[in-house]
Amino acid sequence: MQVGAAIATTLFDELGPLGSVLVRVFFAAAVLVAVWRPRARELTPESLRLIAMFGVSLAAMNSCFYEALDRIPLGIAVTLEFVGPLGVAILGSRRALDLVWAALAAGGIVLLSPAPGGSLDALGAGLALLAGAFWAAYILLAARVGQALSGGTGLALALAVATAIMLPVGIPQAGAELLDPELLAIGLAVALLSSALPYSVELEALRRLPAGTFGVLMSLEPAVAALAGLVILGQDLAATEVAAIALVVAASAGTLGTARAGPAPVEL
C-alpha cells in the first residue's frame, strides 16, 4: 500500500490529489466488480446502508490522505494518519497499561506536530489526522461489511460508491489529463497496489480478527511509509521525525502485546 502511495504522488502534478483518488478508486472498483460480480439478490437494506457508509469512508479517507501527501512527506503523513487504527486498538482494550502506550503514541504525534515557524505544513498535518479518523471508520465498517456479505462483494460495491462520490471533484481537478493513457496506466498500478489487493486482504483479515487486534497489526505502516518515501521519493526525515515514527510504532507494538482478544467473528 505504501509503495502505491509513493507512486501516486507522481500523478499529483497532472491529475491533482483528488483526480488521483478518482482514478485509483475507479480502477479498483472496476477490477473487483469484474472479479466478484455482485448480485442484487445478495443485498439487503442493511447491507446497502453499510456499503454506502463504507464507500463514504473510503472516499473521504483517501481524499484527505492524498491532499496531505501533496503537502507533507509520506512517512509523516502515515504516522499522523495512524492515530485512527491506534485509537481503535486502544479503545477496544480495557487494560490500564494501554494508557502508557497511548501516551507514547501521543508523544510521537506531538513531535510531528507543526511548530510555529516550522517547516511542516499545518494543513497537511491536519488533513493526515482527519484521514486517520476516516481510517478508523474504515476498519470498523470493513469488519461489519465482511460479516454481512461474502467474498469481496461489499468492498467492490463500496469502491463503486467512492467512485461516484469522487466524480464531481476529481474530474474538474484532473480535466483532460484523465484521457492520458500513460497516466491512466500509472493510476491502474496505484489502484492495484493501494486498493484492490490490500483492501481485499484486509477484509479477509477482519473476518478473522477483532478490529482492535487488526489495528495494532498495522503498526509497521508508518515505518514502511517512511522507507517508501525515502527509497522511491527521496524524502529524508529529520532525527526528531524518525524518533516520532519509532514512538508510534513502539506504542502500536505494545498495545498488541497487551490487547485482549475479542470473540472470534463468524466466518461466511
C-alpha atoms as a PDB file:
ATOM      1  CA  MET A   1       0.000   0.000   0.000  1.00  0.00           C
ATOM      2  CA  GLN A   2       2.789   2.440   0.844  1.00  0.00           C
ATOM      3  CA  VAL A   3       4.602   1.747  -2.439  1.00  0.00           C
ATOM      4  CA  GLY A   4       1.337   2.554  -4.201  1.00  0.00           C
ATOM      5  CA  ALA A   5       1.025   5.784  -2.209  1.00  0.00           C
ATOM      6  CA  ALA A   6       4.542   6.804  -3.176  1.00  0.00           C
ATOM      7  CA  ILE A   7       3.804   6.145  -6.864  1.00  0.00           C
ATOM      8  CA  ALA A   8       0.513   8.057  -6.592  1.00  0.00           C
ATOM      9  CA  THR A   9       2.351  11.261  -5.683  1.00  0.00           C
ATOM     10  CA  THR A  10       3.862  11.253  -9.176  1.00  0.00           C
ATOM     11  CA  LEU A  11       0.350  11.820 -10.542  1.00  0.00           C
ATOM     12  CA  PHE A  12      -0.400  14.922  -8.482  1.00  0.00           C
ATOM     13  CA  ASP A  13       1.132  17.444 -10.886  1.00  0.00           C
ATOM     14  CA  GLU A  14      -1.085  16.289 -13.753  1.00  0.00           C
ATOM     15  CA  LEU A  15      -4.212  14.900 -12.055  1.00  0.00           C
ATOM     16  CA  GLY A  16      -4.141  16.622  -8.687  1.00  0.00           C
ATOM     17  CA  PRO A  17      -4.713  14.716  -5.436  1.00  0.00           C
ATOM     18  CA  LEU A  18      -8.475  14.361  -5.920  1.00  0.00           C
ATOM     19  CA  GLY A  19      -8.132  13.358  -9.573  1.00  0.00           C
ATOM     20  CA  SER A  20      -5.624  10.721  -8.494  1.00  0.00           C
ATOM     21  CA  VAL A  21      -8.084   9.383  -5.913  1.00  0.00           C
ATOM     22  CA  LEU A  22     -10.764   9.205  -8.601  1.00  0.00           C
ATOM     23  CA  VAL A  23      -8.548   7.157 -10.920  1.00  0.00           C
ATOM     24  CA  ARG A  24      -7.484   4.900  -8.049  1.00  0.00           C
ATOM     25  CA  VAL A  25     -10.977   4.046  -6.778  1.00  0.00           C
ATOM     26  CA  PHE A  26     -12.414   3.778 -10.305  1.00  0.00           C
ATOM     27  CA  PHE A  27      -9.906   1.169 -11.434  1.00  0.00           C
ATOM     28  CA  ALA A  28     -10.068  -0.673  -8.112  1.00  0.00           C
ATOM     29  CA  ALA A  29     -13.864  -0.810  -8.342  1.00  0.00           C
ATOM     30  CA  ALA A  30     -13.751  -1.984 -11.968  1.00  0.00           C
ATOM     31  CA  VAL A  31     -11.307  -4.793 -11.153  1.00  0.00           C
ATOM     32  CA  LEU A  32     -13.165  -6.027  -8.063  1.00  0.00           C
ATOM     33  CA  VAL A  33     -16.615  -5.797  -9.644  1.00  0.00           C
ATOM     34  CA  ALA A  34     -15.318  -7.887 -12.554  1.00  0.00           C
ATOM     35  CA  VAL A  35     -13.855 -10.441 -10.129  1.00  0.00           C
ATOM     36  CA  TRP A  36     -16.791 -10.746  -7.705  1.00  0.00           C
ATOM     37  CA  ARG A  37     -19.757  -9.900  -9.989  1.00  0.00           C
ATOM     38  CA  PRO A  38     -22.122  -8.660  -7.251  1.00  0.00           C
ATOM     39  CA  ARG A  39     -25.710  -9.913  -7.481  1.00  0.00           C
ATOM     40  CA  ALA A  40     -28.702  -7.853  -6.399  1.00  0.00           C
ATOM     41  CA  ARG A  41     -30.269 -10.810  -4.581  1.00  0.00           C
ATOM     42  CA  GLU A  42     -27.360 -10.829  -2.109  1.00  0.00           C
ATOM     43  CA  LEU A  43     -28.157  -7.306  -0.975  1.00  0.00           C
ATOM     44  CA  THR A  44     -30.450  -6.237   1.845  1.00  0.00           C
ATOM     45  CA  PRO A  45     -31.398  -2.742   3.037  1.00  0.00           C
ATOM     46  CA  GLU A  46     -28.954  -3.118   5.935  1.00  0.00           C
ATOM     47  CA  SER A  47     -26.084  -4.280   3.703  1.00  0.00           C
ATOM     48  CA  LEU A  48     -26.752  -1.429   1.273  1.00  0.00           C
ATOM     49  CA  ARG A  49     -26.557   1.048   4.155  1.00  0.00           C
ATOM     50  CA  LEU A  50     -23.246  -0.444   5.268  1.00  0.00           C
ATOM     51  CA  ILE A  51     -21.892  -0.351   1.702  1.00  0.00           C
ATOM     52  CA  ALA A  52     -22.859   3.323   1.358  1.00  0.00           C
ATOM     53  CA  MET A  53     -21.149   4.220   4.655  1.00  0.00           C
ATOM     54  CA  PHE A  54     -18.111   2.147   3.688  1.00  0.00           C
ATOM     55  CA  GLY A  55     -17.904   3.935   0.336  1.00  0.00           C
ATOM     56  CA  VAL A  56     -18.097   7.358   2.002  1.00  0.00           C
ATOM     57  CA  SER A  57     -15.300   6.409   4.413  1.00  0.00           C
ATOM     58  CA  LEU A  58     -13.105   5.196   1.532  1.00  0.00           C
ATOM     59  CA  ALA A  59     -13.626   8.371  -0.487  1.00  0.00           C
ATOM     60  CA  ALA A  60     -13.040  10.651   2.496  1.00  0.00           C
ATOM     61  CA  MET A  61     -10.026   8.717   3.844  1.00  0.00           C
ATOM     62  CA  ASN A  62      -8.216   8.642   0.514  1.00  0.00           C
ATOM     63  CA  SER A  63      -9.075  12.259  -0.368  1.00  0.00           C
ATOM     64  CA  CYS A  64      -7.770  13.600   2.941  1.00  0.00           C
ATOM     65  CA  PHE A  65      -4.686  11.382   2.753  1.00  0.00           C
ATOM     66  CA  TYR A  66      -3.753  12.377  -0.803  1.00  0.00           C
ATOM     67  CA  GLU A  67      -4.301  16.060  -0.014  1.00  0.00           C
ATOM     68  CA  ALA A  68      -1.983  15.581   2.970  1.00  0.00           C
ATOM     69  CA  LEU A  69       0.585  13.795   0.789  1.00  0.00           C
ATOM     70  CA  ASP A  70       0.593  16.798  -1.523  1.00  0.00           C
ATOM     71  CA  ARG A  71       1.855  18.877   1.410  1.00  0.00           C
ATOM     72  CA  ILE A  72       3.927  16.679   3.761  1.00  0.00           C
ATOM     73  CA  PRO A  73       6.257  13.641   3.404  1.00  0.00           C
ATOM     74  CA  LEU A  74       4.757  10.155   3.118  1.00  0.00           C
ATOM     75  CA  GLY A  75       6.259   8.807   6.357  1.00  0.00           C
ATOM     76  CA  ILE A  76       4.967  11.730   8.410  1.00  0.00           C
ATOM     77  CA  ALA A  77       1.532  11.596   6.753  1.00  0.00           C
ATOM     78  CA  VAL A  78       1.059   7.900   7.543  1.00  0.00           C
ATOM     79  CA  THR A  79       2.341   8.328  11.101  1.00  0.00           C
ATOM     80  CA  LEU A  80      -0.198  11.092  11.763  1.00  0.00           C
ATOM     81  CA  GLU A  81      -2.908   9.129   9.975  1.00  0.00           C
ATOM     82  CA  PHE A  82      -2.120   6.110  12.136  1.00  0.00           C
ATOM     83  CA  VAL A  83      -3.860   7.711  15.111  1.00  0.00           C
ATOM     84  CA  GLY A  84      -7.013   6.180  13.595  1.00  0.00           C
ATOM     85  CA  PRO A  85      -6.165   2.459  13.805  1.00  0.00           C
ATOM     86  CA  LEU A  86      -4.202   3.006  17.009  1.00  0.00           C
ATOM     87  CA  GLY A  87      -7.248   4.668  18.548  1.00  0.00           C
ATOM     88  CA  VAL A  88      -9.406   1.700  17.545  1.00  0.00           C
ATOM     89  CA  ALA A  89      -6.923  -0.654  19.201  1.00  0.00           C
ATOM     90  CA  ILE A  90      -6.676   1.325  22.444  1.00  0.00           C
ATOM     91  CA  LEU A  91     -10.416   1.946  22.765  1.00  0.00           C
ATOM     92  CA  GLY A  92     -11.012  -1.756  22.191  1.00  0.00           C
ATOM     93  CA  SER A  93      -8.865  -2.667  25.198  1.00  0.00           C
ATOM     94  CA  ARG A  94      -9.631  -2.383  28.907  1.00  0.00           C
ATOM     95  CA  ARG A  95      -6.093  -2.675  30.288  1.00  0.00           C
ATOM     96  CA  ALA A  96      -4.524   0.157  32.243  1.00  0.00           C
ATOM     97  CA  LEU A  97      -1.162  -0.398  30.540  1.00  0.00           C
ATOM     98  CA  ASP A  98      -2.696   0.768  27.274  1.00  0.00           C
ATOM     99  CA  LEU A  99      -2.766   4.277  28.734  1.00  0.00           C
ATOM    100  CA  VAL A 100       1.033   4.108  28.729  1.00  0.00           C
ATOM    101  CA  TRP A 101       1.067   3.092  25.081  1.00  0.00           C
ATOM    102  CA  ALA A 102      -1.431   5.847  24.284  1.00  0.00           C
ATOM    103  CA  ALA A 103       0.854   8.374  25.965  1.00  0.00           C
ATOM    104  CA  LEU A 104       3.826   7.035  24.000  1.00  0.00           C
ATOM    105  CA  ALA A 105       1.922   7.418  20.729  1.00  0.00           C
ATOM    106  CA  ALA A 106       0.790  10.901  21.765  1.00  0.00           C
ATOM    107  CA  GLY A 107       4.433  11.809  22.329  1.00  0.00           C
ATOM    108  CA  GLY A 108       5.245  10.754  18.787  1.00  0.00           C
ATOM    109  CA  ILE A 109       2.342  12.788  17.404  1.00  0.00           C
ATOM    110  CA  VAL A 110       3.437  15.855  19.405  1.00  0.00           C
ATOM    111  CA  LEU A 111       6.964  15.542  17.997  1.00  0.00           C
ATOM    112  CA  LEU A 112       5.491  15.615  14.499  1.00  0.00           C
ATOM    113  CA  SER A 113       3.043  18.417  15.173  1.00  0.00           C
ATOM    114  CA  PRO A 114       3.806  21.622  13.256  1.00  0.00           C
ATOM    115  CA  ALA A 115       5.646  24.115  15.465  1.00  0.00           C
ATOM    116  CA  PRO A 116       5.265  27.876  14.957  1.00  0.00           C
ATOM    117  CA  GLY A 117       7.685  28.811  12.230  1.00  0.00           C
ATOM    118  CA  GLY A 118       8.418  25.156  11.488  1.00  0.00           C
ATOM    119  CA  SER A 119       8.691  23.608   8.048  1.00  0.00           C
ATOM    120  CA  LEU A 120       5.830  21.088   8.373  1.00  0.00           C
ATOM    121  CA  ASP A 121       2.662  22.262   6.634  1.00  0.00           C
ATOM    122  CA  ALA A 122      -0.077  22.647   9.256  1.00  0.00           C
ATOM    123  CA  LEU A 123      -2.913  21.997   6.804  1.00  0.00           C
ATOM    124  CA  GLY A 124      -1.188  18.837   5.581  1.00  0.00           C
ATOM    125  CA  ALA A 125      -0.791  17.588   9.151  1.00  0.00           C
ATOM    126  CA  GLY A 126      -4.433  18.343   9.898  1.00  0.00           C
ATOM    127  CA  LEU A 127      -5.593  16.518   6.788  1.00  0.00           C
ATOM    128  CA  ALA A 128      -3.485  13.487   7.748  1.00  0.00           C
ATOM    129  CA  LEU A 129      -5.109  13.420  11.191  1.00  0.00           C
ATOM    130  CA  LEU A 130      -8.547  13.714   9.592  1.00  0.00           C
ATOM    131  CA  ALA A 131      -7.648  10.845   7.266  1.00  0.00           C
ATOM    132  CA  GLY A 132      -6.832   8.881  10.427  1.00  0.00           C
ATOM    133  CA  ALA A 133     -10.350   9.401  11.737  1.00  0.00           C
ATOM    134  CA  PHE A 134     -11.767   8.054   8.486  1.00  0.00           C
ATOM    135  CA  TRP A 135      -9.242   5.170   8.624  1.00  0.00           C
ATOM    136  CA  ALA A 136     -10.721   4.200  11.999  1.00  0.00           C
ATOM    137  CA  ALA A 137     -14.199   4.283  10.450  1.00  0.00           C
ATOM    138  CA  TYR A 138     -12.905   2.189   7.531  1.00  0.00           C
ATOM    139  CA  ILE A 139     -11.632  -0.523   9.914  1.00  0.00           C
ATOM    140  CA  LEU A 140     -14.903  -0.740  11.836  1.00  0.00           C
ATOM    141  CA  LEU A 141     -17.068  -0.670   8.710  1.00  0.00           C
ATOM    142  CA  ALA A 142     -14.896  -3.181   6.840  1.00  0.00           C
ATOM    143  CA  ALA A 143     -15.351  -5.625   9.713  1.00  0.00           C
ATOM    144  CA  ARG A 144     -19.149  -5.270   9.508  1.00  0.00           C
ATOM    145  CA  VAL A 145     -19.258  -5.425   5.704  1.00  0.00           C
ATOM    146  CA  GLY A 146     -17.090  -8.552   5.757  1.00  0.00           C
ATOM    147  CA  GLN A 147     -19.593 -10.255   8.032  1.00  0.00           C
ATOM    148  CA  ALA A 148     -22.658  -9.069   6.105  1.00  0.00           C
ATOM    149  CA  LEU A 149     -21.538 -10.069   2.591  1.00  0.00           C
ATOM    150  CA  SER A 150     -19.482 -12.925   1.219  1.00  0.00           C
ATOM    151  CA  GLY A 151     -16.224 -12.558  -0.690  1.00  0.00           C
ATOM    152  CA  GLY A 152     -15.306  -9.094  -1.895  1.00  0.00           C
ATOM    153  CA  THR A 153     -18.811  -8.067  -2.959  1.00  0.00           C
ATOM    154  CA  GLY A 154     -19.158  -5.397  -0.277  1.00  0.00           C
ATOM    155  CA  LEU A 155     -15.731  -3.920  -0.991  1.00  0.00           C
ATOM    156  CA  ALA A 156     -16.330  -3.850  -4.747  1.00  0.00           C
ATOM    157  CA  LEU A 157     -19.633  -2.002  -4.348  1.00  0.00           C
ATOM    158  CA  ALA A 158     -18.195   0.374  -1.731  1.00  0.00           C
ATOM    159  CA  LEU A 159     -15.418   1.340  -4.148  1.00  0.00           C
ATOM    160  CA  ALA A 160     -18.104   1.968  -6.786  1.00  0.00           C
ATOM    161  CA  VAL A 161     -19.841   4.291  -4.298  1.00  0.00           C
ATOM    162  CA  ALA A 162     -16.497   6.012  -3.624  1.00  0.00           C
ATOM    163  CA  THR A 163     -16.019   6.481  -7.378  1.00  0.00           C
ATOM    164  CA  ALA A 164     -19.436   8.147  -7.696  1.00  0.00           C
ATOM    165  CA  ILE A 165     -18.578  10.475  -4.807  1.00  0.00           C
ATOM    166  CA  MET A 166     -15.232  11.430  -6.363  1.00  0.00           C
ATOM    167  CA  LEU A 167     -16.559  12.183  -9.843  1.00  0.00           C
ATOM    168  CA  PRO A 168     -17.762  15.773  -9.134  1.00  0.00           C
ATOM    169  CA  VAL A 169     -14.453  16.782  -7.519  1.00  0.00           C
ATOM    170  CA  GLY A 170     -11.941  14.572  -9.337  1.00  0.00           C
ATOM    171  CA  ILE A 171     -12.941  15.421 -12.908  1.00  0.00           C
ATOM    172  CA  PRO A 172     -12.679  19.227 -12.536  1.00  0.00           C
ATOM    173  CA  GLN A 173      -9.264  18.898 -10.886  1.00  0.00           C
ATOM    174  CA  ALA A 174      -7.799  16.423 -13.382  1.00  0.00           C
ATOM    175  CA  GLY A 175      -9.525  17.700 -16.515  1.00  0.00           C
ATOM    176  CA  ALA A 176      -8.399  16.374 -19.888  1.00  0.00           C
ATOM    177  CA  GLU A 177      -5.408  14.627 -18.281  1.00  0.00           C
ATOM    178  CA  LEU A 178      -7.834  11.838 -17.394  1.00  0.00           C
ATOM    179  CA  LEU A 179      -7.592  10.794 -21.050  1.00  0.00           C
ATOM    180  CA  ASP A 180      -3.800  10.382 -20.991  1.00  0.00           C
ATOM    181  CA  PRO A 181      -3.046   6.635 -21.442  1.00  0.00           C
ATOM    182  CA  GLU A 182       0.270   6.827 -19.566  1.00  0.00           C
ATOM    183  CA  LEU A 183      -1.304   8.495 -16.548  1.00  0.00           C
ATOM    184  CA  LEU A 184      -4.170   6.001 -16.588  1.00  0.00           C
ATOM    185  CA  ALA A 185      -1.685   3.116 -16.650  1.00  0.00           C
ATOM    186  CA  ILE A 186       0.041   4.511 -13.577  1.00  0.00           C
ATOM    187  CA  GLY A 187      -3.374   5.003 -11.989  1.00  0.00           C
ATOM    188  CA  LEU A 188      -4.215   1.355 -12.621  1.00  0.00           C
ATOM    189  CA  ALA A 189      -0.979   0.288 -10.932  1.00  0.00           C
ATOM    190  CA  VAL A 190      -1.797   2.509  -7.941  1.00  0.00           C
ATOM    191  CA  ALA A 191      -5.326   1.072  -7.797  1.00  0.00           C
ATOM    192  CA  LEU A 192      -4.000  -2.484  -7.663  1.00  0.00           C
ATOM    193  CA  LEU A 193      -1.205  -1.722  -5.171  1.00  0.00           C
ATOM    194  CA  SER A 194      -3.104   0.622  -2.864  1.00  0.00           C
ATOM    195  CA  SER A 195      -6.729  -0.512  -3.072  1.00  0.00           C
ATOM    196  CA  ALA A 196      -7.701  -3.723  -4.849  1.00  0.00           C
ATOM    197  CA  LEU A 197      -5.046  -6.015  -3.327  1.00  0.00           C
ATOM    198  CA  PRO A 198      -4.509  -4.592   0.202  1.00  0.00           C
ATOM    199  CA  TYR A 199      -8.181  -3.824   0.852  1.00  0.00           C
ATOM    200  CA  SER A 200      -9.158  -7.347  -0.211  1.00  0.00           C
ATOM    201  CA  VAL A 201      -6.554  -8.897   2.093  1.00  0.00           C
ATOM    202  CA  GLU A 202      -7.561  -6.589   4.952  1.00  0.00           C
ATOM    203  CA  LEU A 203     -11.207  -7.542   4.503  1.00  0.00           C
ATOM    204  CA  GLU A 204     -10.304 -11.220   4.876  1.00  0.00           C
ATOM    205  CA  ALA A 205      -8.192 -10.414   7.949  1.00  0.00           C
ATOM    206  CA  LEU A 206     -11.074  -8.527   9.557  1.00  0.00           C
ATOM    207  CA  ARG A 207     -13.283 -11.573   9.081  1.00  0.00           C
ATOM    208  CA  ARG A 208     -10.931 -13.489  11.349  1.00  0.00           C
ATOM    209  CA  LEU A 209      -9.578 -10.881  13.808  1.00  0.00           C
ATOM    210  CA  PRO A 210     -11.102  -8.397  16.267  1.00  0.00           C
ATOM    211  CA  ALA A 211     -10.938  -4.852  14.896  1.00  0.00           C
ATOM    212  CA  GLY A 212      -8.627  -3.749  17.721  1.00  0.00           C
ATOM    213  CA  THR A 213      -6.120  -6.511  17.026  1.00  0.00           C
ATOM    214  CA  PHE A 214      -6.208  -5.683  13.331  1.00  0.00           C
ATOM    215  CA  GLY A 215      -5.500  -2.035  14.122  1.00  0.00           C
ATOM    216  CA  VAL A 216      -2.303  -2.791  16.004  1.00  0.00           C
ATOM    217  CA  LEU A 217      -1.128  -5.341  13.461  1.00  0.00           C
ATOM    218  CA  MET A 218      -0.879  -2.382  11.120  1.00  0.00           C
ATOM    219  CA  SER A 219       1.788  -0.914  13.415  1.00  0.00           C
ATOM    220  CA  LEU A 220       4.583  -1.089  10.855  1.00  0.00           C
ATOM    221  CA  GLU A 221       2.693   1.132   8.397  1.00  0.00           C
ATOM    222  CA  PRO A 222       4.425   4.385   9.471  1.00  0.00           C
ATOM    223  CA  ALA A 223       7.895   2.846   9.288  1.00  0.00           C
ATOM    224  CA  VAL A 224       7.220   1.227   5.915  1.00  0.00           C
ATOM    225  CA  ALA A 225       5.797   4.507   4.625  1.00  0.00           C
ATOM    226  CA  ALA A 226       8.923   6.370   5.741  1.00  0.00           C
ATOM    227  CA  LEU A 227      11.080   3.782   3.969  1.00  0.00           C
ATOM    228  CA  ALA A 228       8.987   4.018   0.791  1.00  0.00           C
ATOM    229  CA  GLY A 229       9.215   7.798   0.895  1.00  0.00           C
ATOM    230  CA  LEU A 230      12.996   7.617   1.250  1.00  0.00           C
ATOM    231  CA  VAL A 231      13.650   4.970  -1.415  1.00  0.00           C
ATOM    232  CA  ILE A 232      11.072   5.962  -4.031  1.00  0.00           C
ATOM    233  CA  LEU A 233      10.662   9.704  -3.480  1.00  0.00           C
ATOM    234  CA  GLY A 234      13.953  10.648  -1.823  1.00  0.00           C
ATOM    235  CA  GLN A 235      12.155  12.141   1.175  1.00  0.00           C
ATOM    236  CA  ASP A 236      14.676  12.408   4.017  1.00  0.00           C
ATOM    237  CA  LEU A 237      13.461  12.703   7.598  1.00  0.00           C
ATOM    238  CA  ALA A 238      14.987  14.666  10.464  1.00  0.00           C
ATOM    239  CA  ALA A 239      16.136  12.848  13.601  1.00  0.00           C
ATOM    240  CA  THR A 240      13.103  14.046  15.579  1.00  0.00           C
ATOM    241  CA  GLU A 241      10.763  12.795  12.837  1.00  0.00           C
ATOM    242  CA  VAL A 242      12.415   9.366  12.856  1.00  0.00           C
ATOM    243  CA  ALA A 243      12.103   9.300  16.656  1.00  0.00           C
ATOM    244  CA  ALA A 244       8.421  10.236  16.427  1.00  0.00           C
ATOM    245  CA  ILE A 245       7.711   7.419  13.960  1.00  0.00           C
ATOM    246  CA  ALA A 246       9.588   4.998  16.244  1.00  0.00           C
ATOM    247  CA  LEU A 247       7.429   6.059  19.208  1.00  0.00           C
ATOM    248  CA  VAL A 248       4.200   5.428  17.303  1.00  0.00           C
ATOM    249  CA  VAL A 249       5.414   2.029  16.074  1.00  0.00           C
ATOM    250  CA  ALA A 250       6.519   1.080  19.604  1.00  0.00           C
ATOM    251  CA  ALA A 251       3.162   2.151  21.037  1.00  0.00           C
ATOM    252  CA  SER A 252       1.367   0.035  18.472  1.00  0.00           C
ATOM    253  CA  ALA A 253       3.520  -2.999  19.190  1.00  0.00           C
ATOM    254  CA  GLY A 254       2.993  -2.510  22.925  1.00  0.00           C
ATOM    255  CA  THR A 255      -0.753  -2.303  22.514  1.00  0.00           C
ATOM    256  CA  LEU A 256      -0.659  -5.549  20.532  1.00  0.00           C
ATOM    257  CA  GLY A 257       1.209  -7.232  23.372  1.00  0.00           C
ATOM    258  CA  THR A 258      -1.465  -6.283  25.906  1.00  0.00           C
ATOM    259  CA  ALA A 259      -4.572  -6.394  23.703  1.00  0.00           C
ATOM    260  CA  ARG A 260      -7.341  -8.660  24.881  1.00  0.00           C
ATOM    261  CA  ALA A 261      -8.636 -10.892  22.113  1.00  0.00           C
ATOM    262  CA  GLY A 262     -12.300 -10.429  21.383  1.00  0.00           C
ATOM    263  CA  PRO A 263     -14.743 -13.158  20.330  1.00  0.00           C
ATOM    264  CA  ALA A 264     -13.938 -14.873  17.085  1.00  0.00           C
ATOM    265  CA  PRO A 265     -16.071 -13.486  14.264  1.00  0.00           C
ATOM    266  CA  VAL A 266     -18.408 -15.754  12.365  1.00  0.00           C
ATOM    267  CA  GLU A 267     -16.963 -16.760   9.007  1.00  0.00           C
ATOM    268  CA  LEU A 268     -19.228 -16.741   5.954  1.00  0.00           C
END
